[in-house]
N, C-alpha and C. Protein backbone atom coordinates (compact mmCIF):
# COMPACT_ATOMS: atom_id res chain seq x y z
N MET A 1 -16.47 -13.76 22.33
CA MET A 1 -15.71 -12.74 21.62
C MET A 1 -16.21 -11.36 22.04
N GLN A 2 -15.31 -10.42 22.01
CA GLN A 2 -15.66 -9.02 22.19
C GLN A 2 -15.63 -8.37 20.81
N ILE A 3 -16.74 -7.77 20.43
CA ILE A 3 -16.90 -7.21 19.09
C ILE A 3 -17.21 -5.73 19.19
N VAL A 4 -16.51 -4.94 18.38
CA VAL A 4 -16.80 -3.52 18.27
C VAL A 4 -17.33 -3.28 16.86
N ILE A 5 -18.51 -2.72 16.77
CA ILE A 5 -19.13 -2.39 15.49
C ILE A 5 -18.93 -0.89 15.29
N LEU A 6 -18.13 -0.54 14.30
CA LEU A 6 -17.76 0.85 14.06
C LEU A 6 -18.43 1.33 12.78
N TYR A 7 -19.09 2.47 12.84
CA TYR A 7 -19.78 2.96 11.65
C TYR A 7 -19.26 4.32 11.24
N GLY A 8 -19.24 4.52 9.93
CA GLY A 8 -18.90 5.81 9.34
C GLY A 8 -20.05 6.23 8.45
N THR A 9 -20.68 7.36 8.77
CA THR A 9 -21.90 7.73 8.09
C THR A 9 -22.02 9.23 7.93
N GLU A 10 -22.99 9.62 7.16
CA GLU A 10 -23.34 11.02 7.00
C GLU A 10 -24.82 11.21 7.24
N SER A 11 -25.61 10.27 6.77
CA SER A 11 -27.06 10.40 6.88
C SER A 11 -27.67 9.48 7.94
N GLY A 12 -26.86 8.62 8.54
CA GLY A 12 -27.36 7.73 9.58
C GLY A 12 -27.60 6.30 9.15
N ASN A 13 -27.47 6.01 7.84
CA ASN A 13 -27.70 4.64 7.36
C ASN A 13 -26.77 3.63 8.02
N ALA A 14 -25.49 3.93 8.05
CA ALA A 14 -24.52 2.99 8.63
C ALA A 14 -24.73 2.86 10.14
N GLU A 15 -25.13 3.93 10.79
CA GLU A 15 -25.38 3.88 12.23
C GLU A 15 -26.55 2.95 12.55
N ARG A 16 -27.64 3.09 11.80
CA ARG A 16 -28.80 2.21 12.02
C ARG A 16 -28.42 0.75 11.75
N LEU A 17 -27.66 0.53 10.70
CA LEU A 17 -27.26 -0.83 10.36
C LEU A 17 -26.34 -1.42 11.43
N ALA A 18 -25.46 -0.61 11.99
CA ALA A 18 -24.59 -1.07 13.07
C ALA A 18 -25.42 -1.54 14.26
N GLY A 19 -26.46 -0.81 14.58
CA GLY A 19 -27.36 -1.22 15.66
C GLY A 19 -28.08 -2.52 15.34
N ASP A 20 -28.52 -2.66 14.10
CA ASP A 20 -29.19 -3.90 13.67
C ASP A 20 -28.24 -5.10 13.79
N ILE A 21 -27.00 -4.91 13.42
CA ILE A 21 -26.01 -5.99 13.52
C ILE A 21 -25.78 -6.35 14.98
N GLY A 22 -25.67 -5.35 15.83
CA GLY A 22 -25.50 -5.61 17.25
C GLY A 22 -26.67 -6.40 17.83
N LYS A 23 -27.86 -6.00 17.47
CA LYS A 23 -29.06 -6.72 17.96
C LYS A 23 -29.06 -8.16 17.46
N ALA A 24 -28.59 -8.38 16.23
CA ALA A 24 -28.54 -9.74 15.69
C ALA A 24 -27.50 -10.58 16.43
N ILE A 25 -26.40 -9.96 16.83
CA ILE A 25 -25.39 -10.69 17.61
C ILE A 25 -25.98 -11.05 18.97
N GLY A 26 -26.78 -10.15 19.51
CA GLY A 26 -27.48 -10.41 20.76
C GLY A 26 -26.55 -10.77 21.89
N SER A 27 -26.92 -11.79 22.62
CA SER A 27 -26.13 -12.20 23.78
C SER A 27 -25.08 -13.27 23.45
N GLN A 28 -24.94 -13.61 22.17
CA GLN A 28 -23.93 -14.59 21.77
C GLN A 28 -22.52 -14.13 22.14
N HIS A 29 -22.28 -12.82 22.02
CA HIS A 29 -20.96 -12.23 22.26
C HIS A 29 -21.16 -10.86 22.90
N GLN A 30 -20.11 -10.35 23.52
CA GLN A 30 -20.14 -8.99 24.02
C GLN A 30 -19.91 -8.06 22.84
N TRP A 31 -20.71 -7.02 22.73
CA TRP A 31 -20.56 -6.10 21.62
C TRP A 31 -20.92 -4.68 22.03
N ARG A 32 -20.38 -3.76 21.27
CA ARG A 32 -20.71 -2.35 21.44
C ARG A 32 -20.61 -1.67 20.08
N VAL A 33 -21.26 -0.53 19.97
CA VAL A 33 -21.27 0.25 18.72
C VAL A 33 -20.57 1.57 18.97
N ALA A 34 -19.76 2.02 18.00
CA ALA A 34 -19.07 3.30 18.12
C ALA A 34 -19.05 4.02 16.78
N ASP A 35 -19.13 5.33 16.83
CA ASP A 35 -19.03 6.20 15.66
C ASP A 35 -17.55 6.38 15.32
N LEU A 36 -17.17 6.10 14.09
CA LEU A 36 -15.77 6.26 13.69
C LEU A 36 -15.24 7.67 13.92
N GLY A 37 -16.11 8.66 13.87
CA GLY A 37 -15.69 10.03 14.11
C GLY A 37 -15.22 10.28 15.53
N ASP A 38 -15.56 9.36 16.44
CA ASP A 38 -15.18 9.50 17.84
C ASP A 38 -14.04 8.55 18.23
N VAL A 39 -13.46 7.86 17.25
CA VAL A 39 -12.47 6.83 17.54
C VAL A 39 -11.08 7.30 17.12
N ASP A 40 -10.13 7.18 18.03
CA ASP A 40 -8.72 7.43 17.74
C ASP A 40 -8.13 6.12 17.24
N PRO A 41 -7.59 6.08 16.01
CA PRO A 41 -7.06 4.82 15.49
C PRO A 41 -6.05 4.14 16.42
N ALA A 42 -5.29 4.92 17.18
CA ALA A 42 -4.29 4.36 18.09
C ALA A 42 -4.94 3.63 19.27
N GLU A 43 -6.22 3.84 19.50
CA GLU A 43 -6.90 3.22 20.63
C GLU A 43 -7.66 1.94 20.25
N LEU A 44 -7.58 1.51 18.99
CA LEU A 44 -8.21 0.26 18.59
C LEU A 44 -7.48 -0.89 19.27
N SER A 45 -8.25 -1.80 19.83
CA SER A 45 -7.66 -2.90 20.60
C SER A 45 -7.57 -4.18 19.78
N THR A 46 -6.43 -4.84 19.85
CA THR A 46 -6.26 -6.12 19.18
C THR A 46 -6.96 -7.25 19.94
N ASP A 47 -7.49 -6.96 21.12
CA ASP A 47 -8.23 -7.94 21.91
C ASP A 47 -9.69 -8.06 21.47
N GLU A 48 -10.10 -7.19 20.55
CA GLU A 48 -11.48 -7.16 20.09
C GLU A 48 -11.52 -7.44 18.59
N ILE A 49 -12.66 -7.96 18.15
CA ILE A 49 -12.96 -8.09 16.73
C ILE A 49 -13.66 -6.81 16.31
N HIS A 50 -13.31 -6.29 15.14
CA HIS A 50 -13.90 -5.05 14.66
C HIS A 50 -14.73 -5.31 13.41
N ILE A 51 -15.92 -4.75 13.39
CA ILE A 51 -16.77 -4.78 12.20
C ILE A 51 -17.00 -3.34 11.79
N PHE A 52 -16.52 -2.98 10.60
CA PHE A 52 -16.66 -1.62 10.07
C PHE A 52 -17.85 -1.59 9.12
N ILE A 53 -18.75 -0.64 9.34
CA ILE A 53 -19.90 -0.41 8.46
C ILE A 53 -19.73 1.00 7.91
N THR A 54 -19.58 1.11 6.59
CA THR A 54 -19.30 2.42 6.01
C THR A 54 -20.18 2.71 4.80
N SER A 55 -20.49 3.98 4.65
CA SER A 55 -21.22 4.46 3.48
C SER A 55 -20.27 5.19 2.56
N THR A 56 -20.63 5.25 1.27
CA THR A 56 -19.87 6.02 0.29
C THR A 56 -20.74 7.18 -0.17
N TYR A 57 -20.15 8.35 -0.24
CA TYR A 57 -20.87 9.56 -0.66
C TYR A 57 -20.07 10.32 -1.69
N GLY A 58 -20.74 11.23 -2.36
CA GLY A 58 -20.09 12.17 -3.26
C GLY A 58 -19.21 11.51 -4.29
N ASP A 59 -17.98 11.91 -4.31
CA ASP A 59 -17.01 11.42 -5.29
C ASP A 59 -16.29 10.17 -4.81
N GLY A 60 -16.99 9.31 -4.07
CA GLY A 60 -16.40 8.07 -3.60
C GLY A 60 -15.76 8.17 -2.23
N LEU A 61 -16.11 9.20 -1.49
CA LEU A 61 -15.56 9.39 -0.15
C LEU A 61 -16.41 8.66 0.88
N LEU A 62 -15.81 8.46 2.03
CA LEU A 62 -16.55 7.91 3.16
C LEU A 62 -17.53 8.96 3.67
N GLY A 63 -18.57 8.52 4.38
CA GLY A 63 -19.44 9.46 5.05
C GLY A 63 -18.63 10.31 6.02
N GLU A 64 -19.20 11.40 6.45
CA GLU A 64 -18.46 12.38 7.25
C GLU A 64 -17.69 11.77 8.42
N THR A 65 -18.33 10.94 9.23
CA THR A 65 -17.64 10.40 10.40
C THR A 65 -16.59 9.36 10.00
N GLY A 66 -16.83 8.64 8.94
CA GLY A 66 -15.83 7.70 8.44
C GLY A 66 -14.63 8.43 7.86
N GLN A 67 -14.89 9.57 7.22
CA GLN A 67 -13.82 10.37 6.63
C GLN A 67 -12.90 10.94 7.71
N ILE A 68 -13.49 11.32 8.85
CA ILE A 68 -12.68 11.82 9.98
C ILE A 68 -11.70 10.74 10.43
N PHE A 69 -12.20 9.52 10.60
CA PHE A 69 -11.35 8.41 11.02
C PHE A 69 -10.28 8.11 9.96
N TYR A 70 -10.70 8.07 8.71
CA TYR A 70 -9.78 7.78 7.60
C TYR A 70 -8.64 8.78 7.57
N GLU A 71 -8.97 10.06 7.67
CA GLU A 71 -7.93 11.10 7.63
C GLU A 71 -7.00 11.02 8.84
N ALA A 72 -7.57 10.69 10.01
CA ALA A 72 -6.71 10.52 11.20
C ALA A 72 -5.74 9.37 11.00
N LEU A 73 -6.22 8.28 10.40
CA LEU A 73 -5.36 7.13 10.15
C LEU A 73 -4.33 7.45 9.07
N GLU A 74 -4.75 8.19 8.06
CA GLU A 74 -3.87 8.58 6.97
C GLU A 74 -2.69 9.43 7.47
N GLU A 75 -2.95 10.26 8.47
CA GLU A 75 -1.92 11.15 9.01
C GLU A 75 -1.11 10.50 10.13
N SER A 76 -1.47 9.28 10.49
CA SER A 76 -0.86 8.60 11.62
C SER A 76 0.18 7.58 11.17
N ASP A 77 1.10 7.27 12.07
CA ASP A 77 2.04 6.18 11.81
C ASP A 77 1.73 4.99 12.72
N VAL A 78 0.50 4.94 13.24
CA VAL A 78 0.08 3.86 14.12
C VAL A 78 0.18 2.51 13.40
N GLU A 79 0.67 1.52 14.13
CA GLU A 79 0.75 0.16 13.60
C GLU A 79 -0.45 -0.62 14.12
N LEU A 80 -1.19 -1.25 13.23
CA LEU A 80 -2.38 -2.01 13.61
C LEU A 80 -2.16 -3.51 13.48
N ASP A 81 -0.90 -3.94 13.57
CA ASP A 81 -0.59 -5.37 13.52
C ASP A 81 -1.40 -6.09 14.59
N GLY A 82 -2.03 -7.18 14.21
CA GLY A 82 -2.83 -7.96 15.15
C GLY A 82 -4.29 -7.54 15.20
N LEU A 83 -4.63 -6.40 14.59
CA LEU A 83 -6.03 -5.96 14.56
C LEU A 83 -6.76 -6.76 13.49
N ARG A 84 -7.88 -7.34 13.85
CA ARG A 84 -8.67 -8.16 12.92
C ARG A 84 -10.01 -7.48 12.69
N TYR A 85 -10.43 -7.43 11.43
CA TYR A 85 -11.66 -6.70 11.13
C TYR A 85 -12.40 -7.31 9.94
N ALA A 86 -13.69 -7.05 9.94
CA ALA A 86 -14.55 -7.34 8.79
C ALA A 86 -15.11 -5.99 8.34
N ILE A 87 -15.58 -5.94 7.10
CA ILE A 87 -16.09 -4.67 6.59
C ILE A 87 -17.34 -4.90 5.75
N PHE A 88 -18.29 -3.97 5.89
CA PHE A 88 -19.53 -4.00 5.12
C PHE A 88 -19.74 -2.60 4.56
N GLY A 89 -19.78 -2.50 3.23
CA GLY A 89 -19.92 -1.21 2.57
C GLY A 89 -21.32 -0.97 2.04
N LEU A 90 -21.75 0.27 2.16
CA LEU A 90 -23.04 0.71 1.63
C LEU A 90 -22.76 1.66 0.47
N GLY A 91 -23.38 1.39 -0.66
CA GLY A 91 -23.16 2.24 -1.83
C GLY A 91 -24.32 2.14 -2.79
N ASP A 92 -24.20 2.80 -3.90
CA ASP A 92 -25.23 2.84 -4.92
C ASP A 92 -24.57 2.63 -6.29
N SER A 93 -24.87 1.51 -6.92
CA SER A 93 -24.20 1.15 -8.18
C SER A 93 -24.57 2.06 -9.34
N SER A 94 -25.57 2.92 -9.16
CA SER A 94 -25.87 3.87 -10.24
C SER A 94 -24.74 4.89 -10.37
N TYR A 95 -23.88 4.98 -9.36
CA TYR A 95 -22.66 5.79 -9.42
C TYR A 95 -21.52 4.82 -9.76
N GLU A 96 -21.43 4.44 -11.01
CA GLU A 96 -20.54 3.36 -11.45
C GLU A 96 -19.08 3.58 -11.06
N ASP A 97 -18.60 4.79 -11.22
CA ASP A 97 -17.18 5.05 -10.99
C ASP A 97 -16.79 5.03 -9.51
N THR A 98 -17.75 5.23 -8.63
CA THR A 98 -17.40 5.35 -7.20
C THR A 98 -18.17 4.36 -6.33
N TYR A 99 -18.83 3.39 -6.93
CA TYR A 99 -19.65 2.44 -6.15
C TYR A 99 -18.82 1.78 -5.05
N ASN A 100 -19.23 1.99 -3.82
CA ASN A 100 -18.58 1.42 -2.62
C ASN A 100 -17.10 1.74 -2.53
N GLN A 101 -16.68 2.82 -3.13
CA GLN A 101 -15.27 3.21 -3.07
C GLN A 101 -14.85 3.57 -1.65
N GLY A 102 -15.77 4.14 -0.86
CA GLY A 102 -15.44 4.51 0.51
C GLY A 102 -15.00 3.32 1.34
N SER A 103 -15.75 2.23 1.26
CA SER A 103 -15.38 1.04 2.03
C SER A 103 -14.08 0.44 1.52
N SER A 104 -13.84 0.52 0.23
CA SER A 104 -12.57 0.03 -0.33
C SER A 104 -11.39 0.87 0.14
N LEU A 105 -11.58 2.18 0.23
CA LEU A 105 -10.52 3.06 0.73
C LEU A 105 -10.20 2.73 2.19
N LEU A 106 -11.24 2.54 2.99
CA LEU A 106 -11.02 2.21 4.40
C LEU A 106 -10.31 0.86 4.53
N ASP A 107 -10.74 -0.11 3.76
CA ASP A 107 -10.10 -1.44 3.78
C ASP A 107 -8.62 -1.31 3.44
N ALA A 108 -8.31 -0.54 2.43
CA ALA A 108 -6.92 -0.39 1.98
C ALA A 108 -6.05 0.27 3.05
N ILE A 109 -6.56 1.30 3.69
CA ILE A 109 -5.72 2.00 4.66
C ILE A 109 -5.56 1.18 5.94
N LEU A 110 -6.59 0.43 6.32
CA LEU A 110 -6.44 -0.46 7.48
C LEU A 110 -5.36 -1.51 7.21
N THR A 111 -5.40 -2.09 6.02
CA THR A 111 -4.40 -3.09 5.63
C THR A 111 -3.01 -2.46 5.56
N GLU A 112 -2.93 -1.26 5.01
CA GLU A 112 -1.66 -0.55 4.91
C GLU A 112 -1.02 -0.35 6.28
N HIS A 113 -1.84 -0.20 7.30
CA HIS A 113 -1.34 0.00 8.66
C HIS A 113 -1.17 -1.32 9.42
N GLY A 114 -1.34 -2.44 8.74
CA GLY A 114 -1.03 -3.74 9.35
C GLY A 114 -2.21 -4.56 9.83
N ALA A 115 -3.42 -4.04 9.73
CA ALA A 115 -4.61 -4.78 10.16
C ALA A 115 -4.91 -5.89 9.15
N THR A 116 -5.66 -6.90 9.59
CA THR A 116 -5.99 -8.05 8.75
C THR A 116 -7.50 -8.20 8.65
N ARG A 117 -8.00 -8.19 7.40
CA ARG A 117 -9.43 -8.40 7.19
C ARG A 117 -9.72 -9.89 7.14
N PHE A 118 -10.84 -10.28 7.70
CA PHE A 118 -11.29 -11.67 7.64
C PHE A 118 -12.72 -11.70 7.11
N GLY A 119 -13.13 -12.85 6.63
CA GLY A 119 -14.50 -13.01 6.13
C GLY A 119 -14.72 -12.32 4.81
N GLU A 120 -15.92 -12.48 4.30
CA GLU A 120 -16.31 -11.89 3.02
C GLU A 120 -16.44 -10.38 3.15
N PHE A 121 -16.02 -9.65 2.13
CA PHE A 121 -16.21 -8.20 2.07
C PHE A 121 -17.69 -7.97 1.77
N GLY A 122 -18.43 -7.47 2.73
CA GLY A 122 -19.86 -7.29 2.55
C GLY A 122 -20.18 -6.01 1.79
N LEU A 123 -21.15 -6.10 0.90
CA LEU A 123 -21.57 -4.94 0.11
C LEU A 123 -23.09 -4.91 -0.02
N HIS A 124 -23.63 -3.71 0.04
CA HIS A 124 -25.04 -3.51 -0.26
C HIS A 124 -25.15 -2.45 -1.35
N ASP A 125 -26.01 -2.71 -2.31
CA ASP A 125 -26.26 -1.79 -3.41
C ASP A 125 -27.59 -1.10 -3.16
N ASP A 126 -27.54 0.17 -2.81
CA ASP A 126 -28.76 0.92 -2.55
C ASP A 126 -29.59 1.11 -3.82
N GLY A 127 -28.96 0.90 -4.96
CA GLY A 127 -29.67 1.00 -6.22
C GLY A 127 -30.41 -0.28 -6.57
N GLY A 128 -30.27 -1.31 -5.74
CA GLY A 128 -30.92 -2.60 -5.98
C GLY A 128 -32.23 -2.71 -5.23
N PHE A 129 -32.72 -3.93 -5.13
CA PHE A 129 -34.02 -4.16 -4.53
C PHE A 129 -33.97 -4.78 -3.14
N GLU A 130 -32.79 -5.23 -2.72
CA GLU A 130 -32.66 -5.87 -1.42
C GLU A 130 -32.47 -4.81 -0.33
N ARG A 131 -33.07 -5.06 0.82
CA ARG A 131 -32.89 -4.15 1.96
C ARG A 131 -31.49 -4.35 2.55
N LYS A 132 -30.85 -3.24 2.91
CA LYS A 132 -29.49 -3.33 3.46
C LYS A 132 -29.45 -4.19 4.71
N LYS A 133 -30.46 -4.11 5.55
CA LYS A 133 -30.50 -4.92 6.76
C LYS A 133 -30.52 -6.40 6.42
N ASP A 134 -31.32 -6.78 5.44
CA ASP A 134 -31.40 -8.19 5.05
C ASP A 134 -30.06 -8.70 4.51
N VAL A 135 -29.41 -7.89 3.68
CA VAL A 135 -28.12 -8.28 3.11
C VAL A 135 -27.08 -8.40 4.23
N ALA A 136 -27.04 -7.43 5.12
CA ALA A 136 -26.05 -7.45 6.20
C ALA A 136 -26.28 -8.62 7.16
N LEU A 137 -27.53 -8.90 7.48
CA LEU A 137 -27.79 -9.99 8.42
C LEU A 137 -27.55 -11.36 7.78
N ALA A 138 -27.62 -11.44 6.46
CA ALA A 138 -27.24 -12.69 5.76
C ALA A 138 -25.72 -12.83 5.73
N TRP A 139 -25.00 -11.72 5.69
CA TRP A 139 -23.54 -11.69 5.66
C TRP A 139 -22.94 -12.02 7.03
N LEU A 140 -23.60 -11.59 8.09
CA LEU A 140 -23.06 -11.66 9.45
C LEU A 140 -22.68 -13.06 9.93
N PRO A 141 -23.49 -14.11 9.75
CA PRO A 141 -23.08 -15.42 10.27
C PRO A 141 -21.74 -15.91 9.72
N GLY A 142 -21.46 -15.66 8.45
CA GLY A 142 -20.18 -16.06 7.88
C GLY A 142 -19.03 -15.31 8.50
N VAL A 143 -19.24 -14.04 8.79
CA VAL A 143 -18.20 -13.22 9.41
C VAL A 143 -17.95 -13.71 10.84
N LEU A 144 -19.01 -13.99 11.58
CA LEU A 144 -18.84 -14.48 12.95
C LEU A 144 -18.15 -15.84 12.97
N ALA A 145 -18.50 -16.69 12.02
CA ALA A 145 -17.84 -18.00 11.92
C ALA A 145 -16.36 -17.83 11.61
N ALA A 146 -16.04 -16.92 10.70
CA ALA A 146 -14.63 -16.68 10.36
C ALA A 146 -13.88 -16.10 11.57
N ALA A 147 -14.53 -15.25 12.33
CA ALA A 147 -13.90 -14.67 13.52
C ALA A 147 -13.60 -15.73 14.56
N GLN A 148 -14.45 -16.72 14.67
CA GLN A 148 -14.24 -17.82 15.64
C GLN A 148 -12.97 -18.61 15.29
N GLN A 149 -12.57 -18.61 14.02
CA GLN A 149 -11.42 -19.37 13.57
C GLN A 149 -10.10 -18.62 13.76
N LEU A 150 -10.17 -17.35 14.15
CA LEU A 150 -8.95 -16.54 14.28
C LEU A 150 -8.17 -16.93 15.53
C-alpha cells in the first residue's frame, strides 16, 4: 500500500506523531508525511491511503496548518469520491465543549466531499495519562488491517 500521513498542527504535536506513525509502518508499506497546510485538496490521490493526524485548539478549531486545509476544502467543489482515509485526533477533554472537535470537523468535511473513512476513529486525550504515541501506535494495526480490506 501507498500511505500518506497528513498532519494538521500548531505546536508540532501532530507532526511528531505523524513521524512516529511512519516509523511504525516502517518498510511494510510505502509511506510519506505531509503538512496539511501544504496540500491542495484537489491533489489528493485515490491511489493512496490517507491517515490524517489533527490537533484541536482554541474554540474547537484545527491547528493552524489543518485549518488552512479545512478552509481550502470548504471553499472548494472538489469531489473526493474514492478517497479512503483514517483519522486520529489530538485533544484535551478538560475542554469539554470542544474536545477533539477539530478532528470531527475535518472528518465531516472530507465525508461531505465524498471521501470514505475506514477503521476506528482514533482519539487521544491530552488531559489523560496515556502518551499520545502509545495510543496512536495501538490504534495503527487496526487501521492498517482495515485498509488491507479496501
